[in-house]
């Protein structure tokens, strides 16, 4: 759920003209709400998560991959938002350009 809703939200927020602090706060809110809903869904007996992991084991921390992957997913969403923002403004990193200073 974090990826299904978070990636489109990150794209939309990357295109938004709002200040970066507001966009980061909105992205954090989307990630947090999606994580909460996803965790609540998995916290029922008999539910399976990714890779066939039992949902209750994942939520309770016995399957460490669930909780360890959440910061990675948050970083991916941030990267998508920043990447779209760079595309929107036509900015790119040119490694051959001299450093200003």
PDB file of N, CA and C in Angstrom:
ATOM      1  N   UNK A   1       0.808  -1.179   0.000  1.00  0.00           N
ATOM      2  CA  UNK A   1       0.000   0.000   0.000  1.00  0.00           C
ATOM      3  C   UNK A   1       0.864   1.260   0.000  1.00  0.00           C
ATOM      4  N   UNK A   2       1.992   1.214   0.672  1.00  0.00           N
ATOM      5  CA  UNK A   2       2.871   2.379   0.710  1.00  0.00           C
ATOM      6  C   UNK A   2       3.322   2.732  -0.699  1.00  0.00           C
ATOM      7  N   UNK A   3       3.687   1.745  -1.481  1.00  0.00           N
ATOM      8  CA  UNK A   3       4.134   2.022  -2.845  1.00  0.00           C
ATOM      9  C   UNK A   3       2.978   2.351  -3.775  1.00  0.00           C
ATOM     10  N   UNK A   4       1.856   1.669  -3.624  1.00  0.00           N
ATOM     11  CA  UNK A   4       0.725   1.875  -4.525  1.00  0.00           C
ATOM     12  C   UNK A   4       0.180   3.293  -4.417  1.00  0.00           C
ATOM     13  N   UNK A   5       0.113   3.826  -3.228  1.00  0.00           N
ATOM     14  CA  UNK A   5      -0.411   5.174  -3.035  1.00  0.00           C
ATOM     15  C   UNK A   5       0.723   6.198  -2.938  1.00  0.00           C
ATOM     16  N   UNK A   6       1.841   5.801  -2.358  1.00  0.00           N
ATOM     17  CA  UNK A   6       2.931   6.734  -2.118  1.00  0.00           C
ATOM     18  C   UNK A   6       3.629   7.227  -3.363  1.00  0.00           C
ATOM     19  N   UNK A   7       3.859   6.358  -4.345  1.00  0.00           N
ATOM     20  CA  UNK A   7       4.567   6.783  -5.556  1.00  0.00           C
ATOM     21  C   UNK A   7       3.743   7.797  -6.348  1.00  0.00           C
ATOM     22  N   UNK A   8       2.455   7.544  -6.620  1.00  0.00           N
ATOM     23  CA  UNK A   8       1.684   8.593  -7.303  1.00  0.00           C
ATOM     24  C   UNK A   8       1.608   9.894  -6.496  1.00  0.00           C
ATOM     25  N   UNK A   9       1.512   9.788  -5.177  1.00  0.00           N
ATOM     26  CA  UNK A   9       1.495  10.996  -4.350  1.00  0.00           C
ATOM     27  C   UNK A   9       2.824  11.738  -4.452  1.00  0.00           C
ATOM     28  N   UNK A  10       3.933  11.013  -4.487  1.00  0.00           N
ATOM     29  CA  UNK A  10       5.247  11.641  -4.623  1.00  0.00           C
ATOM     30  C   UNK A  10       5.386  12.342  -5.975  1.00  0.00           C
ATOM     31  N   UNK A  11       4.827  11.746  -7.023  1.00  0.00           N
ATOM     32  CA  UNK A  11       4.867  12.377  -8.347  1.00  0.00           C
ATOM     33  C   UNK A  11       4.053  13.669  -8.331  1.00  0.00           C
ATOM     34  N   UNK A  12       2.859  13.608  -7.777  1.00  0.00           N
ATOM     35  CA  UNK A  12       2.007  14.800  -7.710  1.00  0.00           C
ATOM     36  C   UNK A  12       2.682  15.886  -6.871  1.00  0.00           C
ATOM     37  N   UNK A  13       3.247  15.512  -5.737  1.00  0.00           N
ATOM     38  CA  UNK A  13       3.920  16.492  -4.886  1.00  0.00           C
ATOM     39  C   UNK A  13       5.183  17.036  -5.547  1.00  0.00           C
ATOM     40  N   UNK A  14       5.822  16.247  -6.391  1.00  0.00           N
ATOM     41  CA  UNK A  14       6.980  16.744  -7.127  1.00  0.00           C
ATOM     42  C   UNK A  14       6.594  17.811  -8.136  1.00  0.00           C
ATOM     43  N   UNK A  15       5.398  17.696  -8.699  1.00  0.00           N
ATOM     44  CA  UNK A  15       4.905  18.688  -9.653  1.00  0.00           C
ATOM     45  C   UNK A  15       4.274  19.904  -8.965  1.00  0.00           C
ATOM     46  N   UNK A  16       3.942  19.776  -7.698  1.00  0.00           N
ATOM     47  CA  UNK A  16       3.251  20.858  -6.982  1.00  0.00           C
ATOM     48  C   UNK A  16       4.159  22.076  -6.858  1.00  0.00           C
ATOM     49  N   UNK A  17       3.545  23.223  -6.873  1.00  0.00           N
ATOM     50  CA  UNK A  17       4.298  24.465  -6.777  1.00  0.00           C
ATOM     51  C   UNK A  17       4.446  24.971  -5.358  1.00  0.00           C
ATOM     52  N   UNK A  18       4.081  24.173  -4.389  1.00  0.00           N
ATOM     53  CA  UNK A  18       4.151  24.574  -2.977  1.00  0.00           C
ATOM     54  C   UNK A  18       5.606  24.606  -2.515  1.00  0.00           C
ATOM     55  N   UNK A  19       5.865  25.296  -1.413  1.00  0.00           N
ATOM     56  CA  UNK A  19       7.225  25.289  -0.857  1.00  0.00           C
ATOM     57  C   UNK A  19       7.660  23.870  -0.498  1.00  0.00           C
ATOM     58  N   UNK A  20       8.957  23.655  -0.567  1.00  0.00           N
ATOM     59  CA  UNK A  20       9.492  22.314  -0.348  1.00  0.00           C
ATOM     60  C   UNK A  20       9.159  21.775   1.036  1.00  0.00           C
ATOM     61  N   UNK A  21       9.149  22.614   2.046  1.00  0.00           N
ATOM     62  CA  UNK A  21       8.837  22.148   3.397  1.00  0.00           C
ATOM     63  C   UNK A  21       7.415  21.605   3.467  1.00  0.00           C
ATOM     64  N   UNK A  22       6.480  22.256   2.795  1.00  0.00           N
ATOM     65  CA  UNK A  22       5.088  21.778   2.779  1.00  0.00           C
ATOM     66  C   UNK A  22       4.972  20.471   2.031  1.00  0.00           C
ATOM     67  N   UNK A  23       5.700  20.361   0.924  1.00  0.00           N
ATOM     68  CA  UNK A  23       5.651  19.118   0.146  1.00  0.00           C
ATOM     69  C   UNK A  23       6.262  17.963   0.920  1.00  0.00           C
ATOM     70  N   UNK A  24       7.357  18.215   1.643  1.00  0.00           N
ATOM     71  CA  UNK A  24       7.965  17.168   2.463  1.00  0.00           C
ATOM     72  C   UNK A  24       7.025  16.737   3.582  1.00  0.00           C
ATOM     73  N   UNK A  25       6.352  17.701   4.204  1.00  0.00           N
ATOM     74  CA  UNK A  25       5.396  17.372   5.269  1.00  0.00           C
ATOM     75  C   UNK A  25       4.232  16.552   4.710  1.00  0.00           C
ATOM     76  N   UNK A  26       3.750  16.918   3.540  1.00  0.00           N
ATOM     77  CA  UNK A  26       2.647  16.175   2.927  1.00  0.00           C
ATOM     78  C   UNK A  26       3.088  14.766   2.549  1.00  0.00           C
ATOM     79  N   UNK A  27       4.307  14.629   2.036  1.00  0.00           N
ATOM     80  CA  UNK A  27       4.813  13.302   1.685  1.00  0.00           C
ATOM     81  C   UNK A  27       4.983  12.441   2.924  1.00  0.00           C
ATOM     82  N   UNK A  28       5.494  13.030   4.010  1.00  0.00           N
ATOM     83  CA  UNK A  28       5.629  12.291   5.258  1.00  0.00           C
ATOM     84  C   UNK A  28       4.263  11.835   5.749  1.00  0.00           C
ATOM     85  N   UNK A  29       3.259  12.698   5.649  1.00  0.00           N
ATOM     86  CA  UNK A  29       1.910  12.348   6.091  1.00  0.00           C
ATOM     87  C   UNK A  29       1.340  11.202   5.261  1.00  0.00           C
ATOM     88  N   UNK A  30       1.533  11.248   3.944  1.00  0.00           N
ATOM     89  CA  UNK A  30       1.064  10.163   3.071  1.00  0.00           C
ATOM     90  C   UNK A  30       1.740   8.856   3.450  1.00  0.00           C
ATOM     91  N   UNK A  31       3.061   8.893   3.632  1.00  0.00           N
ATOM     92  CA  UNK A  31       3.796   7.675   3.996  1.00  0.00           C
ATOM     93  C   UNK A  31       3.313   7.128   5.336  1.00  0.00           C
ATOM     94  N   UNK A  32       3.143   8.008   6.312  1.00  0.00           N
ATOM     95  CA  UNK A  32       2.748   7.576   7.645  1.00  0.00           C
ATOM     96  C   UNK A  32       1.343   6.973   7.643  1.00  0.00           C
ATOM     97  N   UNK A  33       0.400   7.609   6.976  1.00  0.00           N
ATOM     98  CA  UNK A  33      -0.975   7.096   6.922  1.00  0.00           C
ATOM     99  C   UNK A  33      -1.009   5.760   6.180  1.00  0.00           C
ATOM    100  N   UNK A  34      -0.303   5.663   5.074  1.00  0.00           N
ATOM    101  CA  UNK A  34      -0.272   4.396   4.329  1.00  0.00           C
ATOM    102  C   UNK A  34       0.353   3.288   5.168  1.00  0.00           C
ATOM    103  N   UNK A  35       1.422   3.600   5.884  1.00  0.00           N
ATOM    104  CA  UNK A  35       2.053   2.606   6.743  1.00  0.00           C
ATOM    105  C   UNK A  35       1.108   2.164   7.851  1.00  0.00           C
ATOM    106  N   UNK A  36       0.379   3.105   8.440  1.00  0.00           N
ATOM    107  CA  UNK A  36      -0.555   2.760   9.513  1.00  0.00           C
ATOM    108  C   UNK A  36      -1.682   1.872   8.996  1.00  0.00           C
ATOM    109  N   UNK A  37      -2.241   2.210   7.852  1.00  0.00           N
ATOM    110  CA  UNK A  37      -3.337   1.406   7.281  1.00  0.00           C
ATOM    111  C   UNK A  37      -2.828   0.026   6.887  1.00  0.00           C
ATOM    112  N   UNK A  38      -1.653  -0.014   6.269  1.00  0.00           N
ATOM    113  CA  UNK A  38      -1.069  -1.293   5.863  1.00  0.00           C
ATOM    114  C   UNK A  38      -0.782  -2.173   7.071  1.00  0.00           C
ATOM    115  N   UNK A  39      -0.254  -1.593   8.134  1.00  0.00           N
ATOM    116  CA  UNK A  39       0.049  -2.352   9.351  1.00  0.00           C
ATOM    117  C   UNK A  39      -1.230  -2.851  10.001  1.00  0.00           C
ATOM    118  N   UNK A  40      -2.254  -2.003  10.031  1.00  0.00           N
ATOM    119  CA  UNK A  40      -3.535  -2.420  10.599  1.00  0.00           C
ATOM    120  C   UNK A  40      -4.142  -3.564   9.788  1.00  0.00           C
ATOM    121  N   UNK A  41      -3.976  -3.530   8.476  1.00  0.00           N
ATOM    122  CA  UNK A  41      -4.478  -4.611   7.633  1.00  0.00           C
ATOM    123  C   UNK A  41      -3.743  -5.918   7.924  1.00  0.00           C
ATOM    124  N   UNK A  42      -2.445  -5.838   8.066  1.00  0.00           N
ATOM    125  CA  UNK A  42      -1.644  -7.043   8.292  1.00  0.00           C
ATOM    126  C   UNK A  42      -1.820  -7.620   9.694  1.00  0.00           C
ATOM    127  N   UNK A  43      -2.299  -6.816  10.627  1.00  0.00           N
ATOM    128  CA  UNK A  43      -2.380  -7.241  12.022  1.00  0.00           C
ATOM    129  C   UNK A  43      -3.614  -8.086  12.312  1.00  0.00           C
ATOM    130  N   UNK A  44      -3.945  -8.969  11.411  1.00  0.00           N
ATOM    131  CA  UNK A  44      -5.057  -9.901  11.607  1.00  0.00           C
ATOM    132  C   UNK A  44      -4.551 -11.305  11.318  1.00  0.00           C
ATOM    133  N   UNK A  45      -4.965 -12.263  12.109  1.00  0.00           N
ATOM    134  CA  UNK A  45      -4.509 -13.639  11.877  1.00  0.00           C
ATOM    135  C   UNK A  45      -4.870 -14.123  10.472  1.00  0.00           C
ATOM    136  N   UNK A  46      -3.927 -14.780   9.849  1.00  0.00           N
ATOM    137  CA  UNK A  46      -4.161 -15.365   8.529  1.00  0.00           C
ATOM    138  C   UNK A  46      -3.817 -14.477   7.359  1.00  0.00           C
ATOM    139  N   UNK A  47      -3.471 -13.229   7.584  1.00  0.00           N
ATOM    140  CA  UNK A  47      -3.108 -12.331   6.479  1.00  0.00           C
ATOM    141  C   UNK A  47      -1.649 -12.558   6.119  1.00  0.00           C
ATOM    142  N   UNK A  48      -1.362 -12.484   4.829  1.00  0.00           N
ATOM    143  CA  UNK A  48       0.016 -12.643   4.360  1.00  0.00           C
ATOM    144  C   UNK A  48       0.522 -11.328   3.802  1.00  0.00           C
ATOM    145  N   UNK A  49       1.777 -11.058   4.077  1.00  0.00           N
ATOM    146  CA  UNK A  49       2.433  -9.884   3.530  1.00  0.00           C
ATOM    147  C   UNK A  49       3.251 -10.252   2.316  1.00  0.00           C
ATOM    148  N   UNK A  50       4.162  -9.371   1.919  1.00  0.00           N
ATOM    149  CA  UNK A  50       5.030  -9.653   0.790  1.00  0.00           C
ATOM    150  C   UNK A  50       5.902 -10.867   1.077  1.00  0.00           C
ATOM    151  N   UNK A  51       6.234 -11.566   0.061  1.00  0.00           N
ATOM    152  CA  UNK A  51       7.082 -12.757   0.116  1.00  0.00           C
ATOM    153  C   UNK A  51       6.456 -13.867   0.951  1.00  0.00           C
ATOM    154  N   UNK A  52       5.139 -13.832   1.133  1.00  0.00           N
ATOM    155  CA  UNK A  52       4.441 -14.880   1.859  1.00  0.00           C
ATOM    156  C   UNK A  52       4.655 -14.869   3.358  1.00  0.00           C
ATOM    157  N   UNK A  53       5.155 -13.770   3.884  1.00  0.00           N
ATOM    158  CA  UNK A  53       5.393 -13.654   5.324  1.00  0.00           C
ATOM    159  C   UNK A  53       4.045 -13.488   6.026  1.00  0.00           C
ATOM    160  N   UNK A  54       3.875 -14.184   7.126  1.00  0.00           N
ATOM    161  CA  UNK A  54       2.653 -14.049   7.909  1.00  0.00           C
ATOM    162  C   UNK A  54       2.531 -12.609   8.402  1.00  0.00           C
ATOM    163  N   UNK A  55       1.346 -12.025   8.229  1.00  0.00           N
ATOM    164  CA  UNK A  55       1.131 -10.629   8.598  1.00  0.00           C
ATOM    165  C   UNK A  55       1.380 -10.341  10.058  1.00  0.00           C
ATOM    166  N   UNK A  56       0.907 -11.221  10.937  1.00  0.00           N
ATOM    167  CA  UNK A  56       1.125 -11.005  12.368  1.00  0.00           C
ATOM    168  C   UNK A  56       2.605 -11.068  12.733  1.00  0.00           C
ATOM    169  N   UNK A  57       3.344 -11.984  12.118  1.00  0.00           N
ATOM    170  CA  UNK A  57       4.788 -12.058  12.373  1.00  0.00           C
ATOM    171  C   UNK A  57       5.488 -10.778  11.926  1.00  0.00           C
ATOM    172  N   UNK A  58       5.069 -10.249  10.787  1.00  0.00           N
ATOM    173  CA  UNK A  58       5.682  -9.026  10.273  1.00  0.00           C
ATOM    174  C   UNK A  58       5.416  -7.849  11.205  1.00  0.00           C
ATOM    175  N   UNK A  59       4.177  -7.693  11.615  1.00  0.00           N
ATOM    176  CA  UNK A  59       3.806  -6.569  12.472  1.00  0.00           C
ATOM    177  C   UNK A  59       4.462  -6.664  13.841  1.00  0.00           C
ATOM    178  N   UNK A  60       4.584  -7.852  14.360  1.00  0.00           N
ATOM    179  CA  UNK A  60       5.170  -8.032  15.683  1.00  0.00           C
ATOM    180  C   UNK A  60       6.691  -8.028  15.670  1.00  0.00           C
ATOM    181  N   UNK A  61       7.292  -7.897  14.505  1.00  0.00           N
ATOM    182  CA  UNK A  61       8.735  -7.779  14.405  1.00  0.00           C
ATOM    183  C   UNK A  61       9.476  -9.084  14.245  1.00  0.00           C
ATOM    184  N   UNK A  62       8.779 -10.212  14.163  1.00  0.00           N
ATOM    185  CA  UNK A  62       9.465 -11.490  13.992  1.00  0.00           C
ATOM    186  C   UNK A  62       9.998 -11.641  12.572  1.00  0.00           C
ATOM    187  N   UNK A  63       9.330 -11.043  11.609  1.00  0.00           N
ATOM    188  CA  UNK A  63       9.832 -11.005  10.240  1.00  0.00           C
ATOM    189  C   UNK A  63      10.398  -9.603  10.035  1.00  0.00           C
ATOM    190  N   UNK A  64      11.658  -9.440  10.277  1.00  0.00           N
ATOM    191  CA  UNK A  64      12.300  -8.131  10.333  1.00  0.00           C
ATOM    192  C   UNK A  64      12.240  -7.359   9.016  1.00  0.00           C
ATOM    193  N   UNK A  65      12.040  -8.046   7.909  1.00  0.00           N
ATOM    194  CA  UNK A  65      12.070  -7.379   6.607  1.00  0.00           C
ATOM    195  C   UNK A  65      10.981  -6.325   6.489  1.00  0.00           C
ATOM    196  N   UNK A  66       9.845  -6.503   7.154  1.00  0.00           N
ATOM    197  CA  UNK A  66       8.754  -5.527   7.058  1.00  0.00           C
ATOM    198  C   UNK A  66       9.172  -4.175   7.632  1.00  0.00           C
ATOM    199  N   UNK A  67       9.660  -4.173   8.848  1.00  0.00           N
ATOM    200  CA  UNK A  67      10.015  -2.907   9.485  1.00  0.00           C
ATOM    201  C   UNK A  67      11.324  -2.344   8.943  1.00  0.00           C
ATOM    202  N   UNK A  68      12.237  -3.209   8.537  1.00  0.00           N
ATOM    203  CA  UNK A  68      13.504  -2.726   7.981  1.00  0.00           C
ATOM    204  C   UNK A  68      13.314  -2.083   6.613  1.00  0.00           C
ATOM    205  N   UNK A  69      12.274  -2.502   5.892  1.00  0.00           N
ATOM    206  CA  UNK A  69      12.059  -1.948   4.561  1.00  0.00           C
ATOM    207  C   UNK A  69      11.330  -0.609   4.572  1.00  0.00           C
ATOM    208  N   UNK A  70      10.704  -0.243   5.666  1.00  0.00           N
ATOM    209  CA  UNK A  70       9.916   0.994   5.701  1.00  0.00           C
ATOM    210  C   UNK A  70      10.760   2.261   5.525  1.00  0.00           C
ATOM    211  N   UNK A  71      11.923   2.414   6.165  1.00  0.00           N
ATOM    212  CA  UNK A  71      12.750   3.595   5.878  1.00  0.00           C
ATOM    213  C   UNK A  71      13.240   3.624   4.428  1.00  0.00           C
ATOM    214  N   UNK A  72      13.487   2.443   3.859  1.00  0.00           N
ATOM    215  CA  UNK A  72      13.902   2.383   2.458  1.00  0.00           C
ATOM    216  C   UNK A  72      12.770   2.876   1.559  1.00  0.00           C
ATOM    217  N   UNK A  73      11.539   2.448   1.848  1.00  0.00           N
ATOM    218  CA  UNK A  73      10.394   2.910   1.055  1.00  0.00           C
ATOM    219  C   UNK A  73      10.192   4.415   1.207  1.00  0.00           C
ATOM    220  N   UNK A  74      10.388   4.947   2.402  1.00  0.00           N
ATOM    221  CA  UNK A  74      10.272   6.392   2.605  1.00  0.00           C
ATOM    222  C   UNK A  74      11.331   7.129   1.787  1.00  0.00           C
ATOM    223  N   UNK A  75      12.542   6.589   1.735  1.00  0.00           N
ATOM    224  CA  UNK A  75      13.610   7.203   0.941  1.00  0.00           C
ATOM    225  C   UNK A  75      13.298   7.132  -0.550  1.00  0.00           C
ATOM    226  N   UNK A  76      12.702   6.036  -0.992  1.00  0.00           N
ATOM    227  CA  UNK A  76      12.305   5.911  -2.402  1.00  0.00           C
ATOM    228  C   UNK A  76      11.262   6.973  -2.747  1.00  0.00           C
ATOM    229  N   UNK A  77      10.277   7.155  -1.883  1.00  0.00           N
ATOM    230  CA  UNK A  77       9.254   8.175  -2.125  1.00  0.00           C
ATOM    231  C   UNK A  77       9.874   9.568  -2.180  1.00  0.00           C
ATOM    232  N   UNK A  78      10.795   9.850  -1.280  1.00  0.00           N
ATOM    233  CA  UNK A  78      11.481  11.132  -1.297  1.00  0.00           C
ATOM    234  C   UNK A  78      12.272  11.304  -2.594  1.00  0.00           C
ATOM    235  N   UNK A  79      12.948  10.257  -3.018  1.00  0.00           N
ATOM    236  CA  UNK A  79      13.707  10.314  -4.271  1.00  0.00           C
ATOM    237  C   UNK A  79      12.820  10.556  -5.476  1.00  0.00           C
ATOM    238  N   UNK A  80      11.660   9.938  -5.490  1.00  0.00           N
ATOM    239  CA  UNK A  80      10.721  10.160  -6.599  1.00  0.00           C
ATOM    240  C   UNK A  80      10.255  11.612  -6.603  1.00  0.00           C
ATOM    241  N   UNK A  81       9.907  12.129  -5.441  1.00  0.00           N
ATOM    242  CA  UNK A  81       9.428  13.510  -5.371  1.00  0.00           C
ATOM    243  C   UNK A  81      10.513  14.497  -5.805  1.00  0.00           C
ATOM    244  N   UNK A  82      11.726  14.310  -5.323  1.00  0.00           N
ATOM    245  CA  UNK A  82      12.826  15.206  -5.685  1.00  0.00           C
ATOM    246  C   UNK A  82      13.173  15.058  -7.163  1.00  0.00           C
ATOM    247  N   UNK A  83      13.144  13.822  -7.668  1.00  0.00           N
ATOM    248  CA  UNK A  83      13.430  13.602  -9.083  1.00  0.00           C
ATOM    249  C   UNK A  83      12.416  14.276  -9.990  1.00  0.00           C
ATOM    250  N   UNK A  84      11.153  14.188  -9.652  1.00  0.00           N
ATOM    251  CA  UNK A  84      10.111  14.852 -10.443  1.00  0.00           C
ATOM    252  C   UNK A  84      10.271  16.363 -10.349  1.00  0.00           C
ATOM    253  N   UNK A  85      10.626  16.872  -9.173  1.00  0.00           N
ATOM    254  CA  UNK A  85      10.856  18.304  -9.015  1.00  0.00           C
ATOM    255  C   UNK A  85      12.004  18.765  -9.908  1.00  0.00           C
ATOM    256  N   UNK A  86      13.051  17.981  -9.979  1.00  0.00           N
ATOM    257  CA  UNK A  86      14.182  18.323 -10.850  1.00  0.00           C
ATOM    258  C   UNK A  86      13.769  18.278 -12.319  1.00  0.00           C
ATOM    259  N   UNK A  87      12.966  17.310 -12.689  1.00  0.00           N
ATOM    260  CA  UNK A  87      12.481  17.250 -14.080  1.00  0.00           C
ATOM    261  C   UNK A  87      11.587  18.444 -14.400  1.00  0.00           C
ATOM    262  N   UNK A  88      10.775  18.823 -13.444  1.00  0.00           N
ATOM    263  CA  UNK A  88       9.851  19.946 -13.656  1.00  0.00           C
ATOM    264  C   UNK A  88      10.617  21.238 -13.888  1.00  0.00           C
ATOM    265  N   UNK A  89      11.696  21.435 -13.164  1.00  0.00           N
ATOM    266  CA  UNK A  89      12.478  22.660 -13.302  1.00  0.00           C
ATOM    267  C   UNK A  89      13.585  22.544 -14.347  1.00  0.00           C
ATOM    268  N   UNK A  90      13.738  21.387 -14.941  1.00  0.00           N
ATOM    269  CA  UNK A  90      14.768  21.203 -15.960  1.00  0.00           C
ATOM    270  C   UNK A  90      16.169  21.182 -15.398  1.00  0.00           C
ATOM    271  N   UNK A  91      16.287  20.897 -14.115  1.00  0.00           N
ATOM    272  CA  UNK A  91      17.604  20.840 -13.499  1.00  0.00           C
ATOM    273  C   UNK A  91      18.182  19.448 -13.661  1.00  0.00           C
ATOM    274  N   UNK A  92      19.447  19.388 -13.860  1.00  0.00           N
ATOM    275  CA  UNK A  92      20.131  18.100 -13.853  1.00  0.00           C
ATOM    276  C   UNK A  92      21.525  18.310 -13.303  1.00  0.00           C
ATOM    277  N   UNK A  93      22.051  17.255 -12.795  1.00  0.00           N
ATOM    278  CA  UNK A  93      23.396  17.336 -12.235  1.00  0.00           C
ATOM    279  C   UNK A  93      24.393  17.009 -13.324  1.00  0.00           C
ATOM    280  N   UNK A  94      25.280  17.923 -13.568  1.00  0.00           N
ATOM    281  CA  UNK A  94      26.303  17.722 -14.566  1.00  0.00           C
ATOM    282  C   UNK A  94      27.639  17.570 -13.842  1.00  0.00           C
ATOM    283  N   UNK A  95      28.172  16.366 -13.875  1.00  0.00           N
ATOM    284  CA  UNK A  95      29.405  16.101 -13.126  1.00  0.00           C
ATOM    285  C   UNK A  95      30.617  16.749 -13.756  1.00  0.00           C
ATOM    286  N   UNK A  96      30.523  17.195 -15.017  1.00  0.00           N
ATOM    287  CA  UNK A  96      31.669  17.819 -15.653  1.00  0.00           C
ATOM    288  C   UNK A  96      31.714  19.323 -15.406  1.00  0.00           C
ATOM    289  N   UNK A  97      30.665  19.898 -14.860  1.00  0.00           N
ATOM    290  CA  UNK A  97      30.622  21.329 -14.600  1.00  0.00           C
ATOM    291  C   UNK A  97      31.513  21.669 -13.399  1.00  0.00           C
ATOM    292  N   UNK A  98      32.232  22.790 -13.471  1.00  0.00           N
ATOM    293  CA  UNK A  98      33.063  23.179 -12.336  1.00  0.00           C
ATOM    294  C   UNK A  98      32.196  23.603 -11.161  1.00  0.00           C
ATOM    295  N   UNK A  99      32.735  23.413  -9.984  1.00  0.00           N
ATOM    296  CA  UNK A  99      32.015  23.803  -8.783  1.00  0.00           C
ATOM    297  C   UNK A  99      32.057  25.322  -8.627  1.00  0.00           C
ATOM    298  N   UNK A 100      30.934  25.866  -8.227  1.00  0.00           N
ATOM    299  CA  UNK A 100      30.874  27.311  -8.000  1.00  0.00           C
ATOM    300  C   UNK A 100      31.566  27.621  -6.672  1.00  0.00           C
ATOM    301  N   UNK A 101      32.249  28.713  -6.644  1.00  0.00           N
ATOM    302  CA  UNK A 101      32.837  29.066  -5.368  1.00  0.00           C
ATOM    303  C   UNK A 101      34.043  29.838  -5.422  1.00  0.00           C
TER     304      UNK A 101
END
